C-alpha atoms as a PDB file:
ATOM      1  CA  MET A   1       0.086   0.151  -0.002  1.00  0.00           C
ATOM      2  CA  THR A   2       0.931   3.601  -0.436  1.00  0.00           C
ATOM      3  CA  LEU A   3       1.806   6.526   1.518  1.00  0.00           C
ATOM      4  CA  TYR A   4       0.328  10.005   0.000  1.00  0.00           C
ATOM      5  CA  ILE A   5       1.888  13.329   1.288  1.00  0.00           C
ATOM      6  CA  GLY A   6       1.072  16.644   0.166  1.00  0.00           C
ATOM      7  CA  VAL A   7       3.328  19.213   1.599  1.00  0.00           C
ATOM      8  CA  ASP A   8       3.050  23.199   1.307  1.00  0.00           C
ATOM      9  CA  ILE A   9       6.097  24.149   2.159  1.00  0.00           C
ATOM     10  CA  HIS A  10       7.277  27.478   3.110  1.00  0.00           C
ATOM     11  CA  ALA A  11      10.467  28.903   4.511  1.00  0.00           C
ATOM     12  CA  ARG A  12       9.998  28.566   8.012  1.00  0.00           C
ATOM     13  CA  GLN A  13       7.331  25.557   8.507  1.00  0.00           C
ATOM     14  CA  GLN A  14       5.443  23.402   6.466  1.00  0.00           C
ATOM     15  CA  THR A  15       1.885  21.970   6.467  1.00  0.00           C
ATOM     16  CA  VAL A  16       1.274  18.153   5.633  1.00  0.00           C
ATOM     17  CA  SER A  17      -1.502  16.622   4.342  1.00  0.00           C
ATOM     18  CA  TYR A  18      -1.728  12.586   4.090  1.00  0.00           C
ATOM     19  CA  LEU A  19      -3.284   9.322   3.627  1.00  0.00           C
ATOM     20  CA  ASP A  20      -2.243   5.878   4.225  1.00  0.00           C
ATOM     21  CA  THR A  21      -4.165   3.933   1.633  1.00  0.00           C
ATOM     22  CA  SER A  22      -3.544   0.719   3.596  1.00  0.00           C
ATOM     23  CA  ASP A  23      -6.178   1.604   6.198  1.00  0.00           C
ATOM     24  CA  GLY A  24      -7.503   5.149   5.159  1.00  0.00           C
ATOM     25  CA  THR A  25      -5.840   7.336   7.990  1.00  0.00           C
ATOM     26  CA  THR A  26      -5.893  10.648   7.162  1.00  0.00           C
ATOM     27  CA  GLY A  27      -3.995  13.980   8.723  1.00  0.00           C
ATOM     28  CA  VAL A  28      -2.854  17.304   8.520  1.00  0.00           C
ATOM     29  CA  VAL A  29       0.134  18.078  10.648  1.00  0.00           C
ATOM     30  CA  ALA A  30       1.943  21.869  10.566  1.00  0.00           C
ATOM     31  CA  LEU A  31       5.599  21.558  11.269  1.00  0.00           C
ATOM     32  CA  SER A  32       7.833  24.282  11.987  1.00  0.00           C
ATOM     33  CA  HIS A  33      11.578  23.949  10.372  1.00  0.00           C
ATOM     34  CA  GLU A  34      13.055  25.536  13.658  1.00  0.00           C
ATOM     35  CA  ARG A  35      11.170  23.858  16.361  1.00  0.00           C
ATOM     36  CA  ASP A  36      10.459  20.276  14.938  1.00  0.00           C
ATOM     37  CA  ASP A  37      12.558  17.519  14.041  1.00  0.00           C
ATOM     38  CA  ILE A  38      11.726  17.535  10.287  1.00  0.00           C
ATOM     39  CA  LYS A  39      14.076  14.685   9.444  1.00  0.00           C
ATOM     40  CA  ALA A  40      12.683  12.284  12.222  1.00  0.00           C
ATOM     41  CA  TYR A  41       9.135  13.095  11.253  1.00  0.00           C
ATOM     42  CA  TYR A  42       9.875  11.474   7.666  1.00  0.00           C
ATOM     43  CA  SER A  43      11.650   8.855   8.606  1.00  0.00           C
ATOM     44  CA  GLN A  44       8.928   7.273  10.500  1.00  0.00           C
ATOM     45  CA  PHE A  45       7.411   6.211   7.394  1.00  0.00           C
ATOM     46  CA  GLU A  46       8.194   2.951   5.878  1.00  0.00           C
ATOM     47  CA  GLY A  47       7.136   1.276   2.185  1.00  0.00           C
ATOM     48  CA  GLU A  48       5.932   3.396  -0.548  1.00  0.00           C
ATOM     49  CA  VAL A  49       5.677   6.936   0.375  1.00  0.00           C
ATOM     50  CA  ILE A  50       5.251   9.606  -2.346  1.00  0.00           C
ATOM     51  CA  ILE A  51       5.428  13.108  -1.293  1.00  0.00           C
ATOM     52  CA  GLY A  52       4.258  16.267  -3.452  1.00  0.00           C
ATOM     53  CA  ILE A  53       5.551  19.885  -3.148  1.00  0.00           C
ATOM     54  CA  GLU A  54       5.127  22.984  -5.402  1.00  0.00           C
ATOM     55  CA  ALA A  55       8.068  24.130  -7.248  1.00  0.00           C
ATOM     56  CA  CYS A  56       9.924  26.919  -5.279  1.00  0.00           C
ATOM     57  CA  GLY A  57      13.332  28.342  -4.695  1.00  0.00           C
ATOM     58  CA  TYR A  58      13.936  27.262  -0.994  1.00  0.00           C
ATOM     59  CA  THR A  59      13.348  23.726  -0.782  1.00  0.00           C
ATOM     60  CA  ASN A  60      16.543  22.185  -1.796  1.00  0.00           C
ATOM     61  CA  TRP A  61      17.183  20.940   1.323  1.00  0.00           C
ATOM     62  CA  PHE A  62      14.011  19.325   1.957  1.00  0.00           C
ATOM     63  CA  GLU A  63      14.177  17.491  -1.572  1.00  0.00           C
ATOM     64  CA  GLU A  64      17.696  16.283  -0.535  1.00  0.00           C
ATOM     65  CA  LEU A  65      16.487  14.783   2.576  1.00  0.00           C
ATOM     66  CA  ILE A  66      13.233  12.969   1.084  1.00  0.00           C
ATOM     67  CA  GLU A  67      15.806  11.443  -1.413  1.00  0.00           C
ATOM     68  CA  ARG A  68      18.374  10.542   1.027  1.00  0.00           C
ATOM     69  CA  LEU A  69      15.316   8.622   3.026  1.00  0.00           C
ATOM     70  CA  GLY A  70      14.365   6.634  -0.001  1.00  0.00           C
ATOM     71  CA  HIS A  71      10.790   8.247  -0.572  1.00  0.00           C
ATOM     72  CA  LYS A  72       9.667   9.557  -4.099  1.00  0.00           C
ATOM     73  CA  LEU A  73       9.600  13.161  -4.287  1.00  0.00           C
ATOM     74  CA  LEU A  74       7.409  15.034  -7.158  1.00  0.00           C
ATOM     75  CA  VAL A  75       7.878  18.772  -7.718  1.00  0.00           C
ATOM     76  CA  GLY A  76       4.864  20.209  -9.056  1.00  0.00           C
ATOM     77  CA  ASP A  77       4.024  23.278 -11.667  1.00  0.00           C
ATOM     78  CA  ALA A  78       2.690  25.713  -8.820  1.00  0.00           C
ATOM     79  CA  ALA A  79       0.667  27.540 -11.576  1.00  0.00           C
ATOM     80  CA  GLU A  80      -1.130  24.458 -12.762  1.00  0.00           C
ATOM     81  CA  ILE A  81      -1.534  23.321  -9.059  1.00  0.00           C
ATOM     82  CA  ARG A  82      -3.456  26.803  -8.567  1.00  0.00           C
ATOM     83  CA  ARG A  83      -5.526  26.199 -11.552  1.00  0.00           C
ATOM     84  CA  LEU A  84      -6.775  22.957 -10.809  1.00  0.00           C
ATOM     85  CA  ALA A  85      -8.114  24.194  -7.074  1.00  0.00           C
ATOM     86  CA  ARG A  86     -11.403  24.076  -7.056  1.00  0.00           C
ATOM     87  CA  ARG A  87     -11.382  27.306  -4.687  1.00  0.00           C
ATOM     88  CA  TRP A  88      -9.680  30.544  -5.000  1.00  0.00           C
ATOM     89  CA  GLN A  89      -8.913  31.223  -1.459  1.00  0.00           C
ATOM     90  CA  LYS A  90      -5.789  30.008  -0.028  1.00  0.00           C
ATOM     91  CA  ASN A  91      -4.470  28.708   3.146  1.00  0.00           C
ATOM     92  CA  ASP A  92      -1.750  26.248   4.250  1.00  0.00           C
ATOM     93  CA  ARG A  93      -4.325  23.511   4.767  1.00  0.00           C
ATOM     94  CA  ARG A  94      -5.941  23.645   1.996  1.00  0.00           C
ATOM     95  CA  ASP A  95      -2.899  24.117   0.015  1.00  0.00           C
ATOM     96  CA  ALA A  96      -1.468  20.583   1.299  1.00  0.00           C
ATOM     97  CA  ASN A  97      -4.953  18.919   0.868  1.00  0.00           C
ATOM     98  CA  LEU A  98      -4.941  20.119  -2.778  1.00  0.00           C
ATOM     99  CA  ILE A  99      -1.494  18.500  -3.617  1.00  0.00           C
ATOM    100  CA  LEU A 100      -2.522  15.520  -1.757  1.00  0.00           C
ATOM    101  CA  GLU A 101      -5.903  15.034  -3.917  1.00  0.00           C
ATOM    102  CA  LEU A 102      -3.702  15.524  -6.959  1.00  0.00           C
ATOM    103  CA  LEU A 103      -1.272  13.029  -5.844  1.00  0.00           C
ATOM    104  CA  VAL A 104      -4.254  10.312  -5.017  1.00  0.00           C
ATOM    105  CA  HIS A 105      -5.940  10.638  -7.999  1.00  0.00           C
ATOM    106  CA  GLY A 106      -2.778  10.937 -10.303  1.00  0.00           C
ATOM    107  CA  GLU A 107      -3.363  14.550 -11.581  1.00  0.00           C
ATOM    108  CA  PHE A 108      -0.504  16.134  -9.871  1.00  0.00           C
ATOM    109  CA  PRO A 109       1.288  18.169 -12.812  1.00  0.00           C
ATOM    110  CA  THR A 110       5.145  16.845 -11.995  1.00  0.00           C
ATOM    111  CA  LEU A 111       7.771  18.856 -13.167  1.00  0.00           C
ATOM    112  CA  PHE A 112      11.104  17.355 -14.730  1.00  0.00           C
ATOM    113  CA  ARG A 113      13.947  17.294 -11.860  1.00  0.00           C
ATOM    114  CA  TYR A 114      17.453  16.743 -12.726  1.00  0.00           C
ATOM    115  CA  SER A 115      19.416  14.093 -11.054  1.00  0.00           C
ATOM    116  CA  LYS A 116      21.219  14.691  -7.518  1.00  0.00           C
ATOM    117  CA  GLU A 117      24.572  14.778  -9.934  1.00  0.00           C
ATOM    118  CA  SER A 118      23.368  16.986 -12.241  1.00  0.00           C
ATOM    119  CA  ARG A 119      21.602  19.557  -9.758  1.00  0.00           C
ATOM    120  CA  GLU A 120      25.248  19.257  -8.433  1.00  0.00           C
ATOM    121  CA  VAL A 121      26.901  19.893 -11.527  1.00  0.00           C
ATOM    122  CA  LEU A 122      24.461  23.116 -11.959  1.00  0.00           C
ATOM    123  CA  ARG A 123      25.396  24.399  -8.515  1.00  0.00           C
ATOM    124  CA  GLN A 124      29.233  24.302  -9.344  1.00  0.00           C
ATOM    125  CA  LEU A 125      28.560  26.198 -12.382  1.00  0.00           C
ATOM    126  CA  ARG A 126      26.431  28.958 -10.945  1.00  0.00           C
ATOM    127  CA  TYR A 127      29.172  29.153  -8.287  1.00  0.00           C
ATOM    128  CA  ARG A 128      31.986  29.423 -10.915  1.00  0.00           C
ATOM    129  CA  HIS A 129      30.063  32.003 -12.734  1.00  0.00           C
ATOM    130  CA  LYS A 130      29.715  34.312  -9.544  1.00  0.00           C
ATOM    131  CA  LEU A 131      33.480  33.757  -9.048  1.00  0.00           C
ATOM    132  CA  VAL A 132      34.038  35.054 -12.420  1.00  0.00           C
ATOM    133  CA  LYS A 133      31.851  38.453 -11.787  1.00  0.00           C
ATOM    134  CA  LEU A 134      33.735  38.961  -8.425  1.00  0.00           C
ATOM    135  CA  ARG A 135      37.090  38.633 -10.206  1.00  0.00           C
ATOM    136  CA  THR A 136      35.838  41.190 -13.274  1.00  0.00           C
ATOM    137  CA  MET A 137      34.918  43.573 -10.529  1.00  0.00           C
ATOM    138  CA  VAL A 138      38.167  43.324  -8.756  1.00  0.00           C
ATOM    139  CA  VAL A 139      40.173  43.402 -12.144  1.00  0.00           C
ATOM    140  CA  ASN A 140      37.906  46.558 -13.205  1.00  0.00           C
ATOM    141  CA  SER A 141      38.803  47.978 -10.067  1.00  0.00           C
ATOM    142  CA  LEU A 142      42.825  47.516 -10.909  1.00  0.00           C
ATOM    143  CA  HIS A 143      42.127  48.977 -14.096  1.00  0.00           C
ATOM    144  CA  ALA A 144      40.676  51.959 -12.635  1.00  0.00           C
ATOM    145  CA  LEU A 145      43.487  52.398 -10.608  1.00  0.00           C
ATOM    146  CA  ALA A 146      46.096  51.831 -13.086  1.00  0.00           C
ATOM    147  CA  ILE A 147      44.379  54.578 -15.344  1.00  0.00           C
ATOM    148  CA  ASN A 148      44.330  57.098 -12.747  1.00  0.00           C
ATOM    149  CA  ALA A 149      47.984  56.422 -12.168  1.00  0.00           C
ATOM    150  CA  GLY A 150      48.630  56.876 -16.510  1.00  0.00           C
ATOM    151  CA  LEU A 151      48.610  53.367 -17.439  1.00  0.00           C
ATOM    152  CA  SER A 152      46.867  52.314 -20.826  1.00  0.00           C
ATOM    153  CA  LEU A 153      43.450  50.864 -20.699  1.00  0.00           C
ATOM    154  CA  ARG A 154      44.738  47.971 -22.957  1.00  0.00           C
ATOM    155  CA  ALA A 155      47.081  46.597 -20.569  1.00  0.00           C
ATOM    156  CA  LYS A 156      46.222  42.903 -19.551  1.00  0.00           C
ATOM    157  CA  LEU A 157      47.171  43.539 -15.681  1.00  0.00           C
ATOM    158  CA  LEU A 158      47.053  39.789 -14.586  1.00  0.00           C
ATOM    159  CA  THR A 159      49.614  39.114 -17.187  1.00  0.00           C
ATOM    160  CA  ARG A 160      53.416  38.683 -16.142  1.00  0.00           C
ATOM    161  CA  ASP A 161      54.048  42.000 -18.439  1.00  0.00           C
ATOM    162  CA  GLY A 162      50.562  43.446 -16.743  1.00  0.00           C
ATOM    163  CA  ARG A 163      52.000  43.108 -13.448  1.00  0.00           C
ATOM    164  CA  GLN A 164      55.455  44.709 -14.270  1.00  0.00           C
ATOM    165  CA  GLN A 165      53.555  47.753 -15.245  1.00  0.00           C
ATOM    166  CA  LEU A 166      51.678  47.949 -12.006  1.00  0.00           C
ATOM    167  CA  ARG A 167      54.570  47.534 -10.270  1.00  0.00           C
ATOM    168  CA  GLY A 168      56.401  50.461 -11.770  1.00  0.00           C
ATOM    169  CA  LEU A 169      53.610  52.986 -11.296  1.00  0.00           C
ATOM    170  CA  SER A 170      53.734  55.825  -9.028  1.00  0.00           C
ATOM    171  CA  LEU A 171      51.383  55.426  -6.323  1.00  0.00           C
ATOM    172  CA  SER A 172      50.445  56.795  -2.987  1.00  0.00           C
ATOM    173  CA  ALA A 173      50.672  54.719   0.097  1.00  0.00           C
ATOM    174  CA  ILE A 174      46.732  54.047   0.099  1.00  0.00           C
ATOM    175  CA  SER A 175      46.886  53.303  -3.720  1.00  0.00           C
ATOM    176  CA  GLN A 176      49.990  50.877  -3.360  1.00  0.00           C
ATOM    177  CA  GLN A 177      48.095  49.062  -0.859  1.00  0.00           C
ATOM    178  CA  GLN A 178      45.096  48.576  -2.473  1.00  0.00           C
ATOM    179  CA  ARG A 179      46.870  47.257  -5.689  1.00  0.00           C
ATOM    180  CA  GLU A 180      48.617  44.512  -3.635  1.00  0.00           C
ATOM    181  CA  GLU A 181      45.392  43.238  -2.232  1.00  0.00           C
ATOM    182  CA  LEU A 182      43.127  43.864  -5.723  1.00  0.00           C
ATOM    183  CA  VAL A 183      46.136  41.714  -6.901  1.00  0.00           C
ATOM    184  CA  SER A 184      46.189  38.943  -3.985  1.00  0.00           C
ATOM    185  CA  LEU A 185      42.394  38.888  -4.559  1.00  0.00           C
ATOM    186  CA  ALA A 186      42.430  38.586  -8.114  1.00  0.00           C
ATOM    187  CA  ASP A 187      44.927  35.474  -7.720  1.00  0.00           C
ATOM    188  CA  GLU A 188      42.992  34.006  -5.300  1.00  0.00           C
ATOM    189  CA  LEU A 189      39.818  34.032  -7.120  1.00  0.00           C
ATOM    190  CA  THR A 190      41.451  32.814 -10.001  1.00  0.00           C
ATOM    191  CA  ARG A 191      42.684  29.698  -8.124  1.00  0.00           C
ATOM    192  CA  ARG A 192      38.891  29.166  -6.635  1.00  0.00           C
ATOM    193  CA  ILE A 193      37.843  29.344 -10.103  1.00  0.00           C
ATOM    194  CA  GLY A 194      40.532  26.684 -11.172  1.00  0.00           C
ATOM    195  CA  THR A 195      39.452  24.457  -8.376  1.00  0.00           C
ATOM    196  CA  VAL A 196      35.607  24.557  -9.801  1.00  0.00           C
ATOM    197  CA  GLU A 197      36.707  23.826 -13.196  1.00  0.00           C
ATOM    198  CA  GLN A 198      38.964  21.060 -11.958  1.00  0.00           C
ATOM    199  CA  TRP A 199      36.106  19.339 -10.478  1.00  0.00           C
ATOM    200  CA  LEU A 200      33.975  20.024 -13.477  1.00  0.00           C
ATOM    201  CA  LYS A 201      36.474  18.230 -15.641  1.00  0.00           C
ATOM    202  CA  VAL A 202      36.633  15.293 -13.158  1.00  0.00           C
ATOM    203  CA  MET A 203      32.484  14.835 -13.807  1.00  0.00           C
ATOM    204  CA  THR A 204      32.702  15.293 -17.429  1.00  0.00           C
ATOM    205  CA  ARG A 205      34.890  12.386 -17.709  1.00  0.00           C
ATOM    206  CA  SER A 206      33.191  10.313 -15.236  1.00  0.00           C
ATOM    207  CA  ASP A 207      30.071  10.835 -17.516  1.00  0.00           C
ATOM    208  CA  GLU A 208      31.593   9.968 -20.829  1.00  0.00           C
ATOM    209  CA  VAL A 209      33.463   6.686 -19.097  1.00  0.00           C
ATOM    210  CA  LYS A 210      29.227   5.867 -17.924  1.00  0.00           C
ATOM    211  CA  THR A 211      28.319   6.473 -21.155  1.00  0.00           C
ATOM    212  CA  GLU A 212      31.014   4.364 -22.773  1.00  0.00           C
ATOM    213  CA  LEU A 213      29.883   1.491 -20.687  1.00  0.00           C
ATOM    214  CA  GLU A 214      26.185   2.179 -21.564  1.00  0.00           C
END
């Protein structure tokens, strides 16, 4: 038999509506993410457990928890779930009940979800993008400092020649300090970007091996 659980989840709490098809037991539970042991609550369930939530931006931790526990998680299109509602009035209990009803009747508008490995790759790609943006900001600050000291904008400041030109600038004590700190920060960001890129290369090779084996 199957336990269906509809979850209306928010940043600090969630409302759970469930149906146990083995005996028809139903219920609604409100859980606080700060006060209640969410892992312990979902760990108590055995057998086939199907859990549905709406797609939103702060559920990664919950999705990964449910996957680790071995339960089946479905993430639904929020707009389509709302369209299927019989009532326009919204509250947490009604939303959880609606998700449960759609699960039980096979009408839950499930969205495609990437595998755990793919989600990790996407996180790393987004992280790399942020690091590159930070490094660009640092290099732009170095360019501004160099231009104010008379150096051409065309200079590639992080190359060997560019660093020599930077060191040869006539700067005030404060500008010298900023130059050294900006160069050091750019180098650290470059190192971190390299670490992420190396991880991505390893994952790429691993995927290639899996594809060949298949």
